[in-house]
């Protein structure tokens, strides 16, 4: 039985949605605000809100996982 993994781009998620960068990744990220000056989305680690990364809107993200 194959698992179906939903894949989309970061720009298509709503603010506050959870996602992973790869299907096997342990880290879960939360989409935050768009930073106009650097043209990227601010995203926080779901388990450590002080851990922040910036991703391009076209970043491929994975959904439909258990957290």
PDB file of N, CA and C in Angstrom:
ATOM      1  N   UNK A   1       0.850  -1.185   0.000  1.00  0.00           N
ATOM      2  CA  UNK A   1       0.000   0.000   0.000  1.00  0.00           C
ATOM      3  C   UNK A   1       0.893   1.245   0.000  1.00  0.00           C
ATOM      4  N   UNK A   2       0.740   2.079  -0.965  1.00  0.00           N
ATOM      5  CA  UNK A   2       1.541   3.296  -1.072  1.00  0.00           C
ATOM      6  C   UNK A   2       0.874   4.444  -0.320  1.00  0.00           C
ATOM      7  N   UNK A   3       1.714   5.243   0.309  1.00  0.00           N
ATOM      8  CA  UNK A   3       1.213   6.428   0.995  1.00  0.00           C
ATOM      9  C   UNK A   3       1.085   7.569   0.006  1.00  0.00           C
ATOM     10  N   UNK A   4       0.004   8.272   0.073  1.00  0.00           N
ATOM     11  CA  UNK A   4      -0.182   9.444  -0.777  1.00  0.00           C
ATOM     12  C   UNK A   4       0.274  10.668  -0.014  1.00  0.00           C
ATOM     13  N   UNK A   5       1.204  11.376  -0.579  1.00  0.00           N
ATOM     14  CA  UNK A   5       1.742  12.569   0.058  1.00  0.00           C
ATOM     15  C   UNK A   5       1.337  13.773  -0.774  1.00  0.00           C
ATOM     16  N   UNK A   6       0.734  14.753  -0.118  1.00  0.00           N
ATOM     17  CA  UNK A   6       0.324  15.960  -0.828  1.00  0.00           C
ATOM     18  C   UNK A   6       1.514  16.901  -0.949  1.00  0.00           C
ATOM     19  N   UNK A   7       1.772  17.350  -2.163  1.00  0.00           N
ATOM     20  CA  UNK A   7       2.891  18.246  -2.452  1.00  0.00           C
ATOM     21  C   UNK A   7       2.323  19.529  -3.049  1.00  0.00           C
ATOM     22  N   UNK A   8       2.845  20.668  -2.597  1.00  0.00           N
ATOM     23  CA  UNK A   8       2.412  21.960  -3.115  1.00  0.00           C
ATOM     24  C   UNK A   8       3.550  22.957  -2.954  1.00  0.00           C
ATOM     25  N   UNK A   9       3.324  24.180  -3.367  1.00  0.00           N
ATOM     26  CA  UNK A   9       4.313  25.239  -3.179  1.00  0.00           C
ATOM     27  C   UNK A   9       3.941  26.037  -1.937  1.00  0.00           C
ATOM     28  N   UNK A  10       4.933  26.606  -1.309  1.00  0.00           N
ATOM     29  CA  UNK A  10       4.730  27.351  -0.072  1.00  0.00           C
ATOM     30  C   UNK A  10       3.734  28.495  -0.247  1.00  0.00           C
ATOM     31  N   UNK A  11       3.763  29.160  -1.383  1.00  0.00           N
ATOM     32  CA  UNK A  11       2.873  30.298  -1.616  1.00  0.00           C
ATOM     33  C   UNK A  11       1.399  29.903  -1.600  1.00  0.00           C
ATOM     34  N   UNK A  12       1.095  28.618  -1.807  1.00  0.00           N
ATOM     35  CA  UNK A  12      -0.282  28.153  -1.839  1.00  0.00           C
ATOM     36  C   UNK A  12      -0.845  27.817  -0.455  1.00  0.00           C
ATOM     37  N   UNK A  13      -0.006  27.833   0.576  1.00  0.00           N
ATOM     38  CA  UNK A  13      -0.463  27.554   1.936  1.00  0.00           C
ATOM     39  C   UNK A  13      -0.997  28.821   2.595  1.00  0.00           C
ATOM     40  N   UNK A  14      -1.858  28.637   3.569  1.00  0.00           N
ATOM     41  CA  UNK A  14      -2.345  29.764   4.372  1.00  0.00           C
ATOM     42  C   UNK A  14      -1.378  30.007   5.518  1.00  0.00           C
ATOM     43  N   UNK A  15      -1.394  31.215   6.035  1.00  0.00           N
ATOM     44  CA  UNK A  15      -0.559  31.545   7.182  1.00  0.00           C
ATOM     45  C   UNK A  15      -0.948  30.639   8.351  1.00  0.00           C
ATOM     46  N   UNK A  16       0.043  30.075   9.015  1.00  0.00           N
ATOM     47  CA  UNK A  16      -0.201  29.217  10.163  1.00  0.00           C
ATOM     48  C   UNK A  16      -0.272  27.736   9.829  1.00  0.00           C
ATOM     49  N   UNK A  17      -0.202  27.367   8.551  1.00  0.00           N
ATOM     50  CA  UNK A  17      -0.255  25.951   8.167  1.00  0.00           C
ATOM     51  C   UNK A  17       1.094  25.284   8.413  1.00  0.00           C
ATOM     52  N   UNK A  18       1.025  23.992   8.757  1.00  0.00           N
ATOM     53  CA  UNK A  18       2.208  23.183   9.011  1.00  0.00           C
ATOM     54  C   UNK A  18       2.656  22.489   7.728  1.00  0.00           C
ATOM     55  N   UNK A  19       3.976  22.339   7.570  1.00  0.00           N
ATOM     56  CA  UNK A  19       4.523  21.656   6.398  1.00  0.00           C
ATOM     57  C   UNK A  19       5.908  21.111   6.695  1.00  0.00           C
ATOM     58  N   UNK A  20       6.369  20.238   5.813  1.00  0.00           N
ATOM     59  CA  UNK A  20       7.731  19.713   5.864  1.00  0.00           C
ATOM     60  C   UNK A  20       8.425  20.053   4.562  1.00  0.00           C
ATOM     61  N   UNK A  21       9.750  20.124   4.599  1.00  0.00           N
ATOM     62  CA  UNK A  21      10.540  20.423   3.413  1.00  0.00           C
ATOM     63  C   UNK A  21      10.779  19.161   2.580  1.00  0.00           C
ATOM     64  N   UNK A  22      10.829  18.013   3.241  1.00  0.00           N
ATOM     65  CA  UNK A  22      10.954  16.738   2.529  1.00  0.00           C
ATOM     66  C   UNK A  22      10.069  15.716   3.238  1.00  0.00           C
ATOM     67  N   UNK A  23       9.626  14.684   2.554  1.00  0.00           N
ATOM     68  CA  UNK A  23       8.717  13.718   3.180  1.00  0.00           C
ATOM     69  C   UNK A  23       9.345  12.984   4.363  1.00  0.00           C
ATOM     70  N   UNK A  24      10.663  12.834   4.364  1.00  0.00           N
ATOM     71  CA  UNK A  24      11.327  12.102   5.446  1.00  0.00           C
ATOM     72  C   UNK A  24      11.878  13.016   6.538  1.00  0.00           C
ATOM     73  N   UNK A  25      11.683  14.306   6.404  1.00  0.00           N
ATOM     74  CA  UNK A  25      12.204  15.270   7.371  1.00  0.00           C
ATOM     75  C   UNK A  25      11.542  15.115   8.732  1.00  0.00           C
ATOM     76  N   UNK A  26      12.309  15.348   9.786  1.00  0.00           N
ATOM     77  CA  UNK A  26      11.776  15.326  11.143  1.00  0.00           C
ATOM     78  C   UNK A  26      11.213  16.689  11.542  1.00  0.00           C
ATOM     79  N   UNK A  27      11.743  17.751  10.951  1.00  0.00           N
ATOM     80  CA  UNK A  27      11.310  19.105  11.300  1.00  0.00           C
ATOM     81  C   UNK A  27       9.998  19.466  10.628  1.00  0.00           C
ATOM     82  N   UNK A  28       9.133  20.075  11.411  1.00  0.00           N
ATOM     83  CA  UNK A  28       7.864  20.578  10.908  1.00  0.00           C
ATOM     84  C   UNK A  28       7.917  22.094  11.013  1.00  0.00           C
ATOM     85  N   UNK A  29       7.521  22.766   9.960  1.00  0.00           N
ATOM     86  CA  UNK A  29       7.576  24.222   9.890  1.00  0.00           C
ATOM     87  C   UNK A  29       6.177  24.816   9.861  1.00  0.00           C
ATOM     88  N   UNK A  30       6.075  26.082  10.281  1.00  0.00           N
ATOM     89  CA  UNK A  30       4.819  26.831  10.264  1.00  0.00           C
ATOM     90  C   UNK A  30       5.028  28.047   9.380  1.00  0.00           C
ATOM     91  N   UNK A  31       4.147  28.228   8.410  1.00  0.00           N
ATOM     92  CA  UNK A  31       4.253  29.391   7.519  1.00  0.00           C
ATOM     93  C   UNK A  31       3.836  30.638   8.280  1.00  0.00           C
ATOM     94  N   UNK A  32       4.663  31.666   8.182  1.00  0.00           N
ATOM     95  CA  UNK A  32       4.381  32.949   8.828  1.00  0.00           C
ATOM     96  C   UNK A  32       4.163  34.020   7.756  1.00  0.00           C
ATOM     97  N   UNK A  33       4.695  35.198   7.970  1.00  0.00           N
ATOM     98  CA  UNK A  33       4.460  36.342   7.093  1.00  0.00           C
ATOM     99  C   UNK A  33       5.422  36.398   5.905  1.00  0.00           C
ATOM    100  N   UNK A  34       4.970  37.064   4.852  1.00  0.00           N
ATOM    101  CA  UNK A  34       5.804  37.313   3.680  1.00  0.00           C
ATOM    102  C   UNK A  34       6.657  38.548   3.943  1.00  0.00           C
ATOM    103  N   UNK A  35       7.946  38.439   3.708  1.00  0.00           N
ATOM    104  CA  UNK A  35       8.871  39.546   3.901  1.00  0.00           C
ATOM    105  C   UNK A  35       9.147  40.191   2.542  1.00  0.00           C
ATOM    106  N   UNK A  36       8.523  41.334   2.297  1.00  0.00           N
ATOM    107  CA  UNK A  36       8.621  41.980   0.985  1.00  0.00           C
ATOM    108  C   UNK A  36      10.037  42.382   0.616  1.00  0.00           C
ATOM    109  N   UNK A  37      10.835  42.804   1.594  1.00  0.00           N
ATOM    110  CA  UNK A  37      12.177  43.287   1.288  1.00  0.00           C
ATOM    111  C   UNK A  37      13.106  42.191   0.759  1.00  0.00           C
ATOM    112  N   UNK A  38      12.923  40.951   1.189  1.00  0.00           N
ATOM    113  CA  UNK A  38      13.759  39.852   0.706  1.00  0.00           C
ATOM    114  C   UNK A  38      12.988  38.885  -0.196  1.00  0.00           C
ATOM    115  N   UNK A  39      11.694  39.144  -0.370  1.00  0.00           N
ATOM    116  CA  UNK A  39      10.813  38.359  -1.237  1.00  0.00           C
ATOM    117  C   UNK A  39      10.781  36.880  -0.856  1.00  0.00           C
ATOM    118  N   UNK A  40      10.685  36.630   0.446  1.00  0.00           N
ATOM    119  CA  UNK A  40      10.616  35.266   0.963  1.00  0.00           C
ATOM    120  C   UNK A  40       9.628  35.209   2.124  1.00  0.00           C
ATOM    121  N   UNK A  41       9.163  33.984   2.424  1.00  0.00           N
ATOM    122  CA  UNK A  41       8.275  33.773   3.565  1.00  0.00           C
ATOM    123  C   UNK A  41       9.088  33.429   4.801  1.00  0.00           C
ATOM    124  N   UNK A  42       8.723  34.014   5.902  1.00  0.00           N
ATOM    125  CA  UNK A  42       9.293  33.677   7.190  1.00  0.00           C
ATOM    126  C   UNK A  42       8.570  32.437   7.696  1.00  0.00           C
ATOM    127  N   UNK A  43       9.328  31.423   8.140  1.00  0.00           N
ATOM    128  CA  UNK A  43       8.737  30.185   8.647  1.00  0.00           C
ATOM    129  C   UNK A  43       9.446  29.804   9.935  1.00  0.00           C
ATOM    130  N   UNK A  44       8.668  29.360  10.917  1.00  0.00           N
ATOM    131  CA  UNK A  44       9.205  28.980  12.215  1.00  0.00           C
ATOM    132  C   UNK A  44       9.104  27.482  12.412  1.00  0.00           C
ATOM    133  N   UNK A  45      10.077  26.941  13.119  1.00  0.00           N
ATOM    134  CA  UNK A  45      10.041  25.535  13.489  1.00  0.00           C
ATOM    135  C   UNK A  45       8.873  25.345  14.452  1.00  0.00           C
ATOM    136  N   UNK A  46       8.049  24.341  14.241  1.00  0.00           N
ATOM    137  CA  UNK A  46       6.845  24.134  15.059  1.00  0.00           C
ATOM    138  C   UNK A  46       7.182  23.825  16.516  1.00  0.00           C
ATOM    139  N   UNK A  47       8.348  23.228  16.773  1.00  0.00           N
ATOM    140  CA  UNK A  47       8.722  22.874  18.140  1.00  0.00           C
ATOM    141  C   UNK A  47       9.632  23.902  18.790  1.00  0.00           C
ATOM    142  N   UNK A  48      10.144  24.841  18.030  1.00  0.00           N
ATOM    143  CA  UNK A  48      11.042  25.875  18.549  1.00  0.00           C
ATOM    144  C   UNK A  48      10.786  27.162  17.773  1.00  0.00           C
ATOM    145  N   UNK A  49       9.862  27.979  18.256  1.00  0.00           N
ATOM    146  CA  UNK A  49       9.453  29.182  17.533  1.00  0.00           C
ATOM    147  C   UNK A  49      10.586  30.191  17.350  1.00  0.00           C
ATOM    148  N   UNK A  50      11.698  30.050  18.092  1.00  0.00           N
ATOM    149  CA  UNK A  50      12.845  30.942  17.915  1.00  0.00           C
ATOM    150  C   UNK A  50      13.714  30.514  16.731  1.00  0.00           C
ATOM    151  N   UNK A  51      13.467  29.343  16.199  1.00  0.00           N
ATOM    152  CA  UNK A  51      14.191  28.842  15.031  1.00  0.00           C
ATOM    153  C   UNK A  51      13.416  29.266  13.791  1.00  0.00           C
ATOM    154  N   UNK A  52      13.964  30.216  13.066  1.00  0.00           N
ATOM    155  CA  UNK A  52      13.269  30.792  11.909  1.00  0.00           C
ATOM    156  C   UNK A  52      14.119  30.619  10.656  1.00  0.00           C
ATOM    157  N   UNK A  53      13.455  30.322   9.545  1.00  0.00           N
ATOM    158  CA  UNK A  53      14.099  30.251   8.235  1.00  0.00           C
ATOM    159  C   UNK A  53      13.254  31.013   7.242  1.00  0.00           C
ATOM    160  N   UNK A  54      13.876  31.405   6.155  1.00  0.00           N
ATOM    161  CA  UNK A  54      13.182  32.119   5.092  1.00  0.00           C
ATOM    162  C   UNK A  54      13.212  31.257   3.835  1.00  0.00           C
ATOM    163  N   UNK A  55      12.030  31.054   3.245  1.00  0.00           N
ATOM    164  CA  UNK A  55      11.894  30.210   2.070  1.00  0.00           C
ATOM    165  C   UNK A  55      11.293  31.005   0.923  1.00  0.00           C
ATOM    166  N   UNK A  56      11.707  30.670  -0.297  1.00  0.00           N
ATOM    167  CA  UNK A  56      11.126  31.276  -1.490  1.00  0.00           C
ATOM    168  C   UNK A  56       9.672  30.834  -1.625  1.00  0.00           C
ATOM    169  N   UNK A  57       8.823  31.654  -2.215  1.00  0.00           N
ATOM    170  CA  UNK A  57       7.418  31.272  -2.415  1.00  0.00           C
ATOM    171  C   UNK A  57       7.266  29.998  -3.253  1.00  0.00           C
ATOM    172  N   UNK A  58       8.236  29.708  -4.114  1.00  0.00           N
ATOM    173  CA  UNK A  58       8.155  28.531  -4.978  1.00  0.00           C
ATOM    174  C   UNK A  58       8.697  27.261  -4.315  1.00  0.00           C
ATOM    175  N   UNK A  59       9.088  27.354  -3.035  1.00  0.00           N
ATOM    176  CA  UNK A  59       9.608  26.182  -2.317  1.00  0.00           C
ATOM    177  C   UNK A  59       8.559  25.066  -2.305  1.00  0.00           C
ATOM    178  N   UNK A  60       8.961  23.869  -2.726  1.00  0.00           N
ATOM    179  CA  UNK A  60       8.066  22.713  -2.695  1.00  0.00           C
ATOM    180  C   UNK A  60       7.978  22.218  -1.256  1.00  0.00           C
ATOM    181  N   UNK A  61       6.739  22.031  -0.764  1.00  0.00           N
ATOM    182  CA  UNK A  61       6.519  21.577   0.605  1.00  0.00           C
ATOM    183  C   UNK A  61       5.606  20.358   0.607  1.00  0.00           C
ATOM    184  N   UNK A  62       5.664  19.615   1.690  1.00  0.00           N
ATOM    185  CA  UNK A  62       4.906  18.365   1.816  1.00  0.00           C
ATOM    186  C   UNK A  62       3.905  18.487   2.957  1.00  0.00           C
ATOM    187  N   UNK A  63       2.692  17.995   2.694  1.00  0.00           N
ATOM    188  CA  UNK A  63       1.596  18.052   3.661  1.00  0.00           C
ATOM    189  C   UNK A  63       1.121  16.626   3.953  1.00  0.00           C
ATOM    190  N   UNK A  64       0.057  16.491   4.711  1.00  0.00           N
ATOM    191  CA  UNK A  64      -0.551  15.192   5.032  1.00  0.00           C
ATOM    192  C   UNK A  64       0.413  14.270   5.771  1.00  0.00           C
ATOM    193  N   UNK A  65       0.831  14.681   6.932  1.00  0.00           N
ATOM    194  CA  UNK A  65       1.702  13.876   7.779  1.00  0.00           C
ATOM    195  C   UNK A  65       1.172  13.956   9.206  1.00  0.00           C
ATOM    196  N   UNK A  66       1.568  13.017  10.035  1.00  0.00           N
ATOM    197  CA  UNK A  66       1.171  13.027  11.437  1.00  0.00           C
ATOM    198  C   UNK A  66       2.210  13.805  12.222  1.00  0.00           C
ATOM    199  N   UNK A  67       1.716  14.694  13.093  1.00  0.00           N
ATOM    200  CA  UNK A  67       2.617  15.540  13.875  1.00  0.00           C
ATOM    201  C   UNK A  67       2.449  15.216  15.326  1.00  0.00           C
TER     202      UNK A  67
END
